[in-house]
């Protein structure tokens, strides 16, 4: 076979950068962030340590890039959530909270690393806050609409209620991800959280009488 004109496959910078990120998330599934070295990341991506620094200035920068991907996924999925809760409010809240749980559990390693890094890294803290703000904004809009149509009682400001409930979600899921004690079982987290949300918003387990 004539080899003239054939070009060897070349790996682009974007592919190498992506390989570093894939390696990092894979390693974080079984290791703490502090136990992952730059050598581990470079080796997993098939590059040298000096080449690693061409794509990321530090290990923290890799975590930021991973977290940014998760936040982008959160914002995309929140943007597509229905804000029509009239026909089945309990089911709609359960689906919405289920997505919150699903995103962070499916990116368990990144979430756990980011939670641990928030105290020492302002950029990680800012990205995490952005993610939480997406949930708070969505929840506030829906609670306010449910109060306006008379389905949910007033009393607690919609924004304050949304903040409190989302912070509860965050803490409960953090305990699950970190396998803390005390913590609720991962398999029961969605049911527990959904029940608390529905009771807190509507004062009933069965809003709408369905």
Protein backbone atom coordinates (compact mmCIF):
# COMPACT_ATOMS: atom_id res chain seq x y z
CA UNK A 1 0.00 0.00 0.00
CA UNK A 2 1.37 3.40 -0.98
CA UNK A 3 2.20 5.31 2.19
CA UNK A 4 2.91 8.54 0.35
CA UNK A 5 0.34 11.18 1.09
CA UNK A 6 -0.69 9.53 4.34
CA UNK A 7 -0.40 11.80 7.35
CA UNK A 8 0.22 10.57 10.84
CA UNK A 9 -2.61 11.23 13.26
CA UNK A 10 -1.93 14.28 15.37
CA UNK A 11 -3.47 14.99 18.73
CA UNK A 12 -4.79 18.51 19.00
CA UNK A 13 -4.34 20.75 22.02
CA UNK A 14 -8.05 20.55 22.75
CA UNK A 15 -7.87 16.75 22.76
CA UNK A 16 -4.94 16.78 25.16
CA UNK A 17 -6.68 19.21 27.44
CA UNK A 18 -9.78 17.05 27.38
CA UNK A 19 -7.66 13.97 28.12
CA UNK A 20 -6.32 15.68 31.24
CA UNK A 21 -9.85 16.50 32.38
CA UNK A 22 -11.12 12.98 31.70
CA UNK A 23 -8.17 11.54 33.61
CA UNK A 24 -8.79 13.88 36.53
CA UNK A 25 -12.47 12.99 36.85
CA UNK A 26 -11.68 9.29 36.56
CA UNK A 27 -9.06 9.49 39.31
CA UNK A 28 -11.34 11.58 41.54
CA UNK A 29 -13.90 8.78 41.45
CA UNK A 30 -11.58 6.74 43.68
CA UNK A 31 -9.14 9.22 45.24
CA UNK A 32 -9.20 12.46 47.18
CA UNK A 33 -8.09 15.52 45.23
CA UNK A 34 -4.98 15.91 47.41
CA UNK A 35 -3.94 12.35 46.50
CA UNK A 36 -3.95 13.06 42.76
CA UNK A 37 -0.63 14.38 41.49
CA UNK A 38 0.26 16.29 38.35
CA UNK A 39 2.30 13.25 37.34
CA UNK A 40 -0.85 11.13 37.60
CA UNK A 41 -2.76 13.56 35.39
CA UNK A 42 0.00 13.82 32.82
CA UNK A 43 0.52 10.05 32.69
CA UNK A 44 -3.19 9.38 32.30
CA UNK A 45 -3.41 11.90 29.46
CA UNK A 46 -0.36 10.42 27.73
CA UNK A 47 1.78 13.53 28.06
CA UNK A 48 4.81 14.62 30.05
CA UNK A 49 4.72 16.76 33.18
CA UNK A 50 6.22 19.78 31.35
CA UNK A 51 3.59 19.41 28.62
CA UNK A 52 0.85 19.41 31.29
CA UNK A 53 1.79 22.98 32.20
CA UNK A 54 1.18 24.06 28.62
CA UNK A 55 -2.53 23.35 29.21
CA UNK A 56 -3.02 24.06 32.92
CA UNK A 57 -0.94 26.19 35.29
CA UNK A 58 -1.80 24.02 38.30
CA UNK A 59 -3.82 21.12 39.63
CA UNK A 60 -6.35 23.58 41.02
CA UNK A 61 -6.89 24.90 37.49
CA UNK A 62 -7.90 21.39 36.41
CA UNK A 63 -10.46 21.23 39.21
CA UNK A 64 -11.81 24.64 38.19
CA UNK A 65 -12.22 23.46 34.61
CA UNK A 66 -14.02 20.31 35.73
CA UNK A 67 -16.29 22.26 38.05
CA UNK A 68 -17.04 24.75 35.28
CA UNK A 69 -18.22 21.85 33.12
CA UNK A 70 -20.52 20.64 35.89
CA UNK A 71 -21.89 24.18 36.44
CA UNK A 72 -22.54 24.56 32.71
CA UNK A 73 -24.45 21.27 32.78
CA UNK A 74 -26.44 22.48 35.79
CA UNK A 75 -27.34 25.78 34.14
CA UNK A 76 -28.31 24.05 30.91
CA UNK A 77 -30.53 21.53 32.66
CA UNK A 78 -32.11 24.10 34.98
CA UNK A 79 -32.86 26.26 31.95
CA UNK A 80 -34.89 23.40 30.46
CA UNK A 81 -36.89 22.61 33.59
CA UNK A 82 -40.60 23.28 33.32
CA UNK A 83 -41.93 26.11 35.44
CA UNK A 84 -45.51 24.87 35.09
CA UNK A 85 -46.21 23.12 38.38
CA UNK A 86 -49.99 23.44 38.30
CA UNK A 87 -50.94 20.01 36.98
CA UNK A 88 -48.71 17.91 39.25
CA UNK A 89 -46.77 20.05 41.75
CA UNK A 90 -45.46 17.16 43.85
CA UNK A 91 -44.23 15.27 40.81
CA UNK A 92 -42.71 18.40 39.28
CA UNK A 93 -40.74 19.20 42.44
CA UNK A 94 -39.58 15.60 42.74
CA UNK A 95 -38.29 15.65 39.15
CA UNK A 96 -36.54 18.99 39.69
CA UNK A 97 -34.86 17.94 42.93
CA UNK A 98 -34.02 14.61 41.33
CA UNK A 99 -32.01 16.46 38.72
CA UNK A 100 -30.11 18.33 41.46
CA UNK A 101 -29.24 15.02 43.09
CA UNK A 102 -28.44 13.33 39.78
CA UNK A 103 -25.99 15.99 38.56
CA UNK A 104 -23.89 16.04 41.71
CA UNK A 105 -23.98 12.29 42.32
CA UNK A 106 -23.01 11.57 38.70
CA UNK A 107 -20.02 13.90 39.18
CA UNK A 108 -19.34 12.65 42.69
CA UNK A 109 -15.56 13.04 42.59
CA UNK A 110 -15.63 16.57 41.20
CA UNK A 111 -18.35 17.62 43.65
CA UNK A 112 -16.50 16.21 46.63
CA UNK A 113 -13.22 17.84 45.57
CA UNK A 114 -14.90 21.19 44.98
CA UNK A 115 -16.68 21.11 48.33
CA UNK A 116 -13.35 20.49 50.06
CA UNK A 117 -11.57 23.21 48.05
CA UNK A 118 -14.13 25.97 48.65
CA UNK A 119 -12.57 27.08 51.92
CA UNK A 120 -9.18 27.75 50.38
CA UNK A 121 -9.95 28.69 46.79
CA UNK A 122 -12.01 31.80 45.99
CA UNK A 123 -12.55 30.76 42.37
CA UNK A 124 -13.93 27.36 43.34
CA UNK A 125 -16.17 29.02 45.91
CA UNK A 126 -17.41 31.48 43.29
CA UNK A 127 -18.23 28.75 40.78
CA UNK A 128 -20.01 26.67 43.41
CA UNK A 129 -22.03 29.72 44.45
CA UNK A 130 -22.99 30.28 40.80
CA UNK A 131 -24.32 26.76 40.63
CA UNK A 132 -26.35 27.15 43.80
CA UNK A 133 -27.69 30.50 42.58
CA UNK A 134 -29.09 28.79 39.47
CA UNK A 135 -31.13 26.46 41.68
CA UNK A 136 -32.22 29.26 44.00
CA UNK A 137 -33.39 31.44 41.11
CA UNK A 138 -35.40 28.59 39.60
CA UNK A 139 -36.91 27.58 42.94
CA UNK A 140 -37.77 31.17 43.89
CA UNK A 141 -39.58 31.73 40.59
CA UNK A 142 -41.68 28.59 41.00
CA UNK A 143 -42.48 29.15 44.70
CA UNK A 144 -43.48 32.74 43.98
CA UNK A 145 -45.76 31.58 41.15
CA UNK A 146 -47.32 28.87 43.33
CA UNK A 147 -48.00 31.43 46.07
CA UNK A 148 -49.47 33.86 43.55
CA UNK A 149 -51.98 31.32 42.25
CA UNK A 150 -52.97 30.34 45.78
CA UNK A 151 -51.58 26.82 45.67
CA UNK A 152 -48.91 27.54 48.28
CA UNK A 153 -49.48 29.67 51.39
CA UNK A 154 -47.58 32.90 51.88
CA UNK A 155 -45.69 33.78 55.02
CA UNK A 156 -42.08 32.95 54.26
CA UNK A 157 -40.56 35.01 51.45
CA UNK A 158 -40.16 32.85 48.32
CA UNK A 159 -36.48 33.71 47.94
CA UNK A 160 -35.69 32.98 51.59
CA UNK A 161 -37.54 29.67 51.43
CA UNK A 162 -35.73 28.72 48.22
CA UNK A 163 -32.33 29.56 49.72
CA UNK A 164 -33.05 27.54 52.87
CA UNK A 165 -34.30 24.49 50.99
CA UNK A 166 -31.43 24.52 48.50
CA UNK A 167 -28.85 24.85 51.26
CA UNK A 168 -30.49 21.86 52.93
CA UNK A 169 -30.14 19.93 49.66
CA UNK A 170 -26.50 20.90 49.42
CA UNK A 171 -25.68 19.79 52.96
CA UNK A 172 -27.60 16.52 52.71
CA UNK A 173 -26.00 15.62 49.37
CA UNK A 174 -22.56 16.63 50.66
CA UNK A 175 -22.95 14.21 53.56
CA UNK A 176 -24.02 11.48 51.14
CA UNK A 177 -21.12 12.14 48.75
CA UNK A 178 -18.57 12.22 51.54
CA UNK A 179 -20.07 9.15 53.24
CA UNK A 180 -20.31 11.13 56.46
CA UNK A 181 -21.96 10.05 59.66
CA UNK A 182 -24.69 10.96 60.26
CA UNK A 183 -26.09 10.85 56.72
CA UNK A 184 -29.14 9.43 55.05
CA UNK A 185 -28.88 6.57 52.57
CA UNK A 186 -28.18 7.68 49.01
CA UNK A 187 -31.07 5.55 47.78
CA UNK A 188 -33.52 7.46 49.99
CA UNK A 189 -32.16 10.98 49.56
CA UNK A 190 -34.51 12.07 46.80
CA UNK A 191 -37.63 10.87 48.60
CA UNK A 192 -36.64 12.57 51.87
CA UNK A 193 -35.67 15.86 50.23
CA UNK A 194 -38.74 15.98 47.99
CA UNK A 195 -41.07 15.35 50.92
CA UNK A 196 -39.49 18.14 52.96
CA UNK A 197 -39.69 20.57 50.03
CA UNK A 198 -43.33 19.80 49.27
CA UNK A 199 -44.41 20.07 52.90
CA UNK A 200 -42.45 23.30 53.37
CA UNK A 201 -43.87 24.96 50.25
CA UNK A 202 -47.47 23.74 50.38
CA UNK A 203 -48.03 22.73 54.00
CA UNK A 204 -49.24 19.37 52.67
CA UNK A 205 -47.91 16.11 51.28
CA UNK A 206 -50.52 16.21 48.54
CA UNK A 207 -50.77 19.68 46.99
CA UNK A 208 -53.60 19.96 44.52
CA UNK A 209 -55.37 16.94 46.07
CA UNK A 210 -54.03 14.54 43.46
